[in-house]
Amino acid sequence: GLTLVGDDAGRVRWFALSQLGGGIGIQMPPLHGFPFYLQLDYALSYDYSSPSRLMHSIGLIAELAP
């Protein structure tokens, strides 16, 4: 993804490159006997405050089945 207007090292800019990122989400198959679905998300983005300039984010989402 790309932010249209964002913070680029303390300055407001159009298409700030410090706001680039991307990710993937994986919907897990339903577990038999459990009333919820799981989704695993991974994202990689630019972070100017990190020494490596990269930020990794992992998320686990549980959706209750009706």
PDB file of N, CA and C in Angstrom:
ATOM      1  N   GLY A   1       0.815  -1.174   0.000  1.00  0.00           N
ATOM      2  CA  GLY A   1       0.000   0.000   0.000  1.00  0.00           C
ATOM      3  C   GLY A   1       0.865   1.246   0.000  1.00  0.00           C
ATOM      4  N   LEU A   2       0.246   2.336  -0.275  1.00  0.00           N
ATOM      5  CA  LEU A   2       0.916   3.632  -0.331  1.00  0.00           C
ATOM      6  C   LEU A   2      -0.017   4.677   0.249  1.00  0.00           C
ATOM      7  N   THR A   3       0.488   5.512   1.130  1.00  0.00           N
ATOM      8  CA  THR A   3      -0.294   6.588   1.727  1.00  0.00           C
ATOM      9  C   THR A   3      -0.245   7.806   0.814  1.00  0.00           C
ATOM     10  N   LEU A   4      -1.399   8.405   0.548  1.00  0.00           N
ATOM     11  CA  LEU A   4      -1.437   9.587  -0.308  1.00  0.00           C
ATOM     12  C   LEU A   4      -0.761  10.787   0.347  1.00  0.00           C
ATOM     13  N   VAL A   5      -1.100  11.066   1.605  1.00  0.00           N
ATOM     14  CA  VAL A   5      -0.470  12.150   2.351  1.00  0.00           C
ATOM     15  C   VAL A   5      -0.011  11.557   3.670  1.00  0.00           C
ATOM     16  N   GLY A   6       1.280  11.738   4.004  1.00  0.00           N
ATOM     17  CA  GLY A   6       1.780  11.150   5.237  1.00  0.00           C
ATOM     18  C   GLY A   6       3.008  11.849   5.761  1.00  0.00           C
ATOM     19  N   ASP A   7       3.452  11.367   6.910  1.00  0.00           N
ATOM     20  CA  ASP A   7       4.622  11.911   7.588  1.00  0.00           C
ATOM     21  C   ASP A   7       5.880  11.282   6.998  1.00  0.00           C
ATOM     22  N   ASP A   8       6.766  12.103   6.491  1.00  0.00           N
ATOM     23  CA  ASP A   8       8.040  11.633   5.946  1.00  0.00           C
ATOM     24  C   ASP A   8       9.159  12.261   6.761  1.00  0.00           C
ATOM     25  N   ALA A   9       9.582  11.573   7.833  1.00  0.00           N
ATOM     26  CA  ALA A   9      10.643  12.046   8.729  1.00  0.00           C
ATOM     27  C   ALA A   9      10.314  13.419   9.315  1.00  0.00           C
ATOM     28  N   GLY A  10       9.057  13.586   9.757  1.00  0.00           N
ATOM     29  CA  GLY A  10       8.662  14.824  10.412  1.00  0.00           C
ATOM     30  C   GLY A  10       8.069  15.880   9.501  1.00  0.00           C
ATOM     31  N   ARG A  11       7.995  15.637   8.206  1.00  0.00           N
ATOM     32  CA  ARG A  11       7.403  16.607   7.267  1.00  0.00           C
ATOM     33  C   ARG A  11       6.214  15.973   6.567  1.00  0.00           C
ATOM     34  N   VAL A  12       5.163  16.749   6.355  1.00  0.00           N
ATOM     35  CA  VAL A  12       3.997  16.258   5.627  1.00  0.00           C
ATOM     36  C   VAL A  12       4.304  16.287   4.138  1.00  0.00           C
ATOM     37  N   ARG A  13       4.082  15.153   3.450  1.00  0.00           N
ATOM     38  CA  ARG A  13       4.377  15.067   2.019  1.00  0.00           C
ATOM     39  C   ARG A  13       3.293  14.273   1.312  1.00  0.00           C
ATOM     40  N   TRP A  14       3.116  14.546   0.045  1.00  0.00           N
ATOM     41  CA  TRP A  14       2.290  13.714  -0.828  1.00  0.00           C
ATOM     42  C   TRP A  14       3.099  12.471  -1.175  1.00  0.00           C
ATOM     43  N   PHE A  15       2.465  11.334  -1.184  1.00  0.00           N
ATOM     44  CA  PHE A  15       3.099  10.049  -1.529  1.00  0.00           C
ATOM     45  C   PHE A  15       4.412   9.849  -0.754  1.00  0.00           C
ATOM     46  N   ALA A  16       4.325   9.988   0.552  1.00  0.00           N
ATOM     47  CA  ALA A  16       5.506   9.841   1.402  1.00  0.00           C
ATOM     48  C   ALA A  16       6.028   8.404   1.323  1.00  0.00           C
ATOM     49  N   LEU A  17       7.273   8.248   0.910  1.00  0.00           N
ATOM     50  CA  LEU A  17       7.847   6.916   0.761  1.00  0.00           C
ATOM     51  C   LEU A  17       8.048   6.215   2.098  1.00  0.00           C
ATOM     52  N   SER A  18       7.981   6.966   3.186  1.00  0.00           N
ATOM     53  CA  SER A  18       8.105   6.341   4.500  1.00  0.00           C
ATOM     54  C   SER A  18       6.840   5.592   4.890  1.00  0.00           C
ATOM     55  N   GLN A  19       5.831   5.639   4.057  1.00  0.00           N
ATOM     56  CA  GLN A  19       4.567   4.985   4.374  1.00  0.00           C
ATOM     57  C   GLN A  19       4.276   3.797   3.459  1.00  0.00           C
ATOM     58  N   LEU A  20       5.280   3.284   2.747  1.00  0.00           N
ATOM     59  CA  LEU A  20       5.079   2.126   1.886  1.00  0.00           C
ATOM     60  C   LEU A  20       4.896   0.865   2.717  1.00  0.00           C
ATOM     61  N   GLY A  21       4.123  -0.064   2.204  1.00  0.00           N
ATOM     62  CA  GLY A  21       3.946  -1.327   2.914  1.00  0.00           C
ATOM     63  C   GLY A  21       3.177  -2.327   2.072  1.00  0.00           C
ATOM     64  N   GLY A  22       3.186  -3.554   2.510  1.00  0.00           N
ATOM     65  CA  GLY A  22       2.455  -4.610   1.832  1.00  0.00           C
ATOM     66  C   GLY A  22       2.310  -5.795   2.757  1.00  0.00           C
ATOM     67  N   GLY A  23       1.399  -6.680   2.422  1.00  0.00           N
ATOM     68  CA  GLY A  23       1.204  -7.826   3.296  1.00  0.00           C
ATOM     69  C   GLY A  23       0.373  -8.904   2.641  1.00  0.00           C
ATOM     70  N   ILE A  24       0.128  -9.938   3.412  1.00  0.00           N
ATOM     71  CA  ILE A  24      -0.632 -11.078   2.936  1.00  0.00           C
ATOM     72  C   ILE A  24      -1.478 -11.599   4.101  1.00  0.00           C
ATOM     73  N   GLY A  25      -2.647 -12.086   3.790  1.00  0.00           N
ATOM     74  CA  GLY A  25      -3.518 -12.695   4.783  1.00  0.00           C
ATOM     75  C   GLY A  25      -3.873 -14.107   4.349  1.00  0.00           C
ATOM     76  N   ILE A  26      -3.846 -15.035   5.292  1.00  0.00           N
ATOM     77  CA  ILE A  26      -4.152 -16.434   4.987  1.00  0.00           C
ATOM     78  C   ILE A  26      -5.329 -16.870   5.846  1.00  0.00           C
ATOM     79  N   GLN A  27      -6.422 -17.250   5.195  1.00  0.00           N
ATOM     80  CA  GLN A  27      -7.597 -17.766   5.904  1.00  0.00           C
ATOM     81  C   GLN A  27      -7.371 -19.244   6.185  1.00  0.00           C
ATOM     82  N   MET A  28      -7.331 -19.597   7.462  1.00  0.00           N
ATOM     83  CA  MET A  28      -7.109 -20.984   7.849  1.00  0.00           C
ATOM     84  C   MET A  28      -8.370 -21.807   7.606  1.00  0.00           C
ATOM     85  N   PRO A  29      -8.229 -23.082   7.279  1.00  0.00           N
ATOM     86  CA  PRO A  29      -9.413 -23.925   7.118  1.00  0.00           C
ATOM     87  C   PRO A  29     -10.136 -24.067   8.461  1.00  0.00           C
ATOM     88  N   PRO A  30     -11.459 -24.223   8.433  1.00  0.00           N
ATOM     89  CA  PRO A  30     -12.197 -24.335   9.690  1.00  0.00           C
ATOM     90  C   PRO A  30     -11.764 -25.569  10.485  1.00  0.00           C
ATOM     91  N   LEU A  31     -11.635 -25.380  11.784  1.00  0.00           N
ATOM     92  CA  LEU A  31     -11.295 -26.486  12.662  1.00  0.00           C
ATOM     93  C   LEU A  31     -12.584 -27.175  13.108  1.00  0.00           C
ATOM     94  N   HIS A  32     -12.664 -28.457  12.938  1.00  0.00           N
ATOM     95  CA  HIS A  32     -13.879 -29.189  13.283  1.00  0.00           C
ATOM     96  C   HIS A  32     -14.086 -29.176  14.798  1.00  0.00           C
ATOM     97  N   GLY A  33     -15.284 -28.795  15.203  1.00  0.00           N
ATOM     98  CA  GLY A  33     -15.613 -28.752  16.619  1.00  0.00           C
ATOM     99  C   GLY A  33     -15.383 -27.410  17.283  1.00  0.00           C
ATOM    100  N   PHE A  34     -14.766 -26.450  16.585  1.00  0.00           N
ATOM    101  CA  PHE A  34     -14.524 -25.128  17.158  1.00  0.00           C
ATOM    102  C   PHE A  34     -15.409 -24.105  16.439  1.00  0.00           C
ATOM    103  N   PRO A  35     -16.088 -23.227  17.186  1.00  0.00           N
ATOM    104  CA  PRO A  35     -17.036 -22.275  16.575  1.00  0.00           C
ATOM    105  C   PRO A  35     -16.384 -20.980  16.085  1.00  0.00           C
ATOM    106  N   PHE A  36     -15.189 -21.042  15.523  1.00  0.00           N
ATOM    107  CA  PHE A  36     -14.549 -19.833  15.001  1.00  0.00           C
ATOM    108  C   PHE A  36     -13.606 -20.180  13.851  1.00  0.00           C
ATOM    109  N   TYR A  37     -13.301 -19.139  13.076  1.00  0.00           N
ATOM    110  CA  TYR A  37     -12.352 -19.241  11.963  1.00  0.00           C
ATOM    111  C   TYR A  37     -11.128 -18.399  12.302  1.00  0.00           C
ATOM    112  N   LEU A  38      -9.974 -18.814  11.841  1.00  0.00           N
ATOM    113  CA  LEU A  38      -8.740 -18.072  12.102  1.00  0.00           C
ATOM    114  C   LEU A  38      -8.161 -17.524  10.808  1.00  0.00           C
ATOM    115  N   GLN A  39      -7.571 -16.334  10.901  1.00  0.00           N
ATOM    116  CA  GLN A  39      -6.878 -15.733   9.773  1.00  0.00           C
ATOM    117  C   GLN A  39      -5.531 -15.236  10.275  1.00  0.00           C
ATOM    118  N   LEU A  40      -4.474 -15.541   9.543  1.00  0.00           N
ATOM    119  CA  LEU A  40      -3.122 -15.122   9.877  1.00  0.00           C
ATOM    120  C   LEU A  40      -2.698 -14.034   8.895  1.00  0.00           C
ATOM    121  N   ASP A  41      -2.276 -12.893   9.411  1.00  0.00           N
ATOM    122  CA  ASP A  41      -1.865 -11.756   8.585  1.00  0.00           C
ATOM    123  C   ASP A  41      -0.392 -11.443   8.825  1.00  0.00           C
ATOM    124  N   TYR A  42       0.308 -11.101   7.742  1.00  0.00           N
ATOM    125  CA  TYR A  42       1.700 -10.664   7.819  1.00  0.00           C
ATOM    126  C   TYR A  42       1.845  -9.406   6.974  1.00  0.00           C
ATOM    127  N   ALA A  43       2.520  -8.408   7.522  1.00  0.00           N
ATOM    128  CA  ALA A  43       2.740  -7.170   6.779  1.00  0.00           C
ATOM    129  C   ALA A  43       4.186  -6.718   6.963  1.00  0.00           C
ATOM    130  N   LEU A  44       4.714  -6.107   5.930  1.00  0.00           N
ATOM    131  CA  LEU A  44       6.055  -5.543   5.924  1.00  0.00           C
ATOM    132  C   LEU A  44       5.929  -4.098   5.473  1.00  0.00           C
ATOM    133  N   SER A  45       6.503  -3.188   6.237  1.00  0.00           N
ATOM    134  CA  SER A  45       6.408  -1.783   5.870  1.00  0.00           C
ATOM    135  C   SER A  45       7.699  -1.053   6.216  1.00  0.00           C
ATOM    136  N   TYR A  46       7.847   0.123   5.648  1.00  0.00           N
ATOM    137  CA  TYR A  46       9.014   0.975   5.889  1.00  0.00           C
ATOM    138  C   TYR A  46       8.794   1.720   7.199  1.00  0.00           C
ATOM    139  N   ASP A  47       9.801   1.756   8.051  1.00  0.00           N
ATOM    140  CA  ASP A  47       9.713   2.454   9.326  1.00  0.00           C
ATOM    141  C   ASP A  47      11.004   3.224   9.534  1.00  0.00           C
ATOM    142  N   TYR A  48      10.949   4.555   9.405  1.00  0.00           N
ATOM    143  CA  TYR A  48      12.180   5.338   9.467  1.00  0.00           C
ATOM    144  C   TYR A  48      12.776   5.402  10.873  1.00  0.00           C
ATOM    145  N   SER A  49      12.019   5.000  11.906  1.00  0.00           N
ATOM    146  CA  SER A  49      12.561   5.034  13.267  1.00  0.00           C
ATOM    147  C   SER A  49      13.283   3.741  13.647  1.00  0.00           C
ATOM    148  N   SER A  50      13.195   2.716  12.801  1.00  0.00           N
ATOM    149  CA  SER A  50      13.850   1.444  13.068  1.00  0.00           C
ATOM    150  C   SER A  50      15.271   1.455  12.485  1.00  0.00           C
ATOM    151  N   PRO A  51      16.240   0.832  13.152  1.00  0.00           N
ATOM    152  CA  PRO A  51      17.599   0.778  12.593  1.00  0.00           C
ATOM    153  C   PRO A  51      17.661   0.090  11.225  1.00  0.00           C
ATOM    154  N   SER A  52      16.831  -0.924  11.005  1.00  0.00           N
ATOM    155  CA  SER A  52      16.837  -1.616   9.712  1.00  0.00           C
ATOM    156  C   SER A  52      15.905  -0.961   8.696  1.00  0.00           C
ATOM    157  N   ARG A  53      15.122   0.022   9.140  1.00  0.00           N
ATOM    158  CA  ARG A  53      14.127   0.726   8.308  1.00  0.00           C
ATOM    159  C   ARG A  53      12.955  -0.167   7.880  1.00  0.00           C
ATOM    160  N   LEU A  54      12.825  -1.345   8.480  1.00  0.00           N
ATOM    161  CA  LEU A  54      11.721  -2.244   8.161  1.00  0.00           C
ATOM    162  C   LEU A  54      10.938  -2.585   9.418  1.00  0.00           C
ATOM    163  N   MET A  55       9.631  -2.739   9.263  1.00  0.00           N
ATOM    164  CA  MET A  55       8.785  -3.178  10.362  1.00  0.00           C
ATOM    165  C   MET A  55       8.007  -4.407   9.903  1.00  0.00           C
ATOM    166  N   HIS A  56       8.067  -5.462  10.679  1.00  0.00           N
ATOM    167  CA  HIS A  56       7.317  -6.687  10.412  1.00  0.00           C
ATOM    168  C   HIS A  56       6.152  -6.729  11.388  1.00  0.00           C
ATOM    169  N   SER A  57       4.992  -7.085  10.897  1.00  0.00           N
ATOM    170  CA  SER A  57       3.808  -7.166  11.739  1.00  0.00           C
ATOM    171  C   SER A  57       3.096  -8.487  11.459  1.00  0.00           C
ATOM    172  N   ILE A  58       2.764  -9.215  12.526  1.00  0.00           N
ATOM    173  CA  ILE A  58       2.042 -10.475  12.403  1.00  0.00           C
ATOM    174  C   ILE A  58       0.780 -10.365  13.239  1.00  0.00           C
ATOM    175  N   GLY A  59      -0.348 -10.762  12.670  1.00  0.00           N
ATOM    176  CA  GLY A  59      -1.607 -10.699  13.383  1.00  0.00           C
ATOM    177  C   GLY A  59      -2.385 -11.994  13.246  1.00  0.00           C
ATOM    178  N   LEU A  60      -3.134 -12.311  14.272  1.00  0.00           N
ATOM    179  CA  LEU A  60      -4.010 -13.478  14.266  1.00  0.00           C
ATOM    180  C   LEU A  60      -5.405 -12.983  14.577  1.00  0.00           C
ATOM    181  N   ILE A  61      -6.340 -13.246  13.665  1.00  0.00           N
ATOM    182  CA  ILE A  61      -7.715 -12.783  13.799  1.00  0.00           C
ATOM    183  C   ILE A  61      -8.612 -13.987  13.983  1.00  0.00           C
ATOM    184  N   ALA A  62      -9.465 -13.941  14.992  1.00  0.00           N
ATOM    185  CA  ALA A  62     -10.440 -15.001  15.244  1.00  0.00           C
ATOM    186  C   ALA A  62     -11.834 -14.455  14.930  1.00  0.00           C
ATOM    187  N   GLU A  63     -12.555 -15.110  14.034  1.00  0.00           N
ATOM    188  CA  GLU A  63     -13.894 -14.704  13.645  1.00  0.00           C
ATOM    189  C   GLU A  63     -14.868 -15.736  14.177  1.00  0.00           C
ATOM    190  N   LEU A  64     -15.809 -15.294  15.008  1.00  0.00           N
ATOM    191  CA  LEU A  64     -16.789 -16.213  15.557  1.00  0.00           C
ATOM    192  C   LEU A  64     -17.783 -16.625  14.495  1.00  0.00           C
ATOM    193  N   ALA A  65     -18.067 -17.898  14.428  1.00  0.00           N
ATOM    194  CA  ALA A  65     -19.017 -18.422  13.431  1.00  0.00           C
ATOM    195  C   ALA A  65     -20.444 -18.181  13.934  1.00  0.00           C
ATOM    196  N   PRO A  66     -21.358 -17.872  13.018  1.00  0.00           N
ATOM    197  CA  PRO A  66     -22.764 -17.647  13.424  1.00  0.00           C
ATOM    198  C   PRO A  66     -23.439 -18.922  13.862  1.00  0.00           C
TER     199      PRO A  66
END
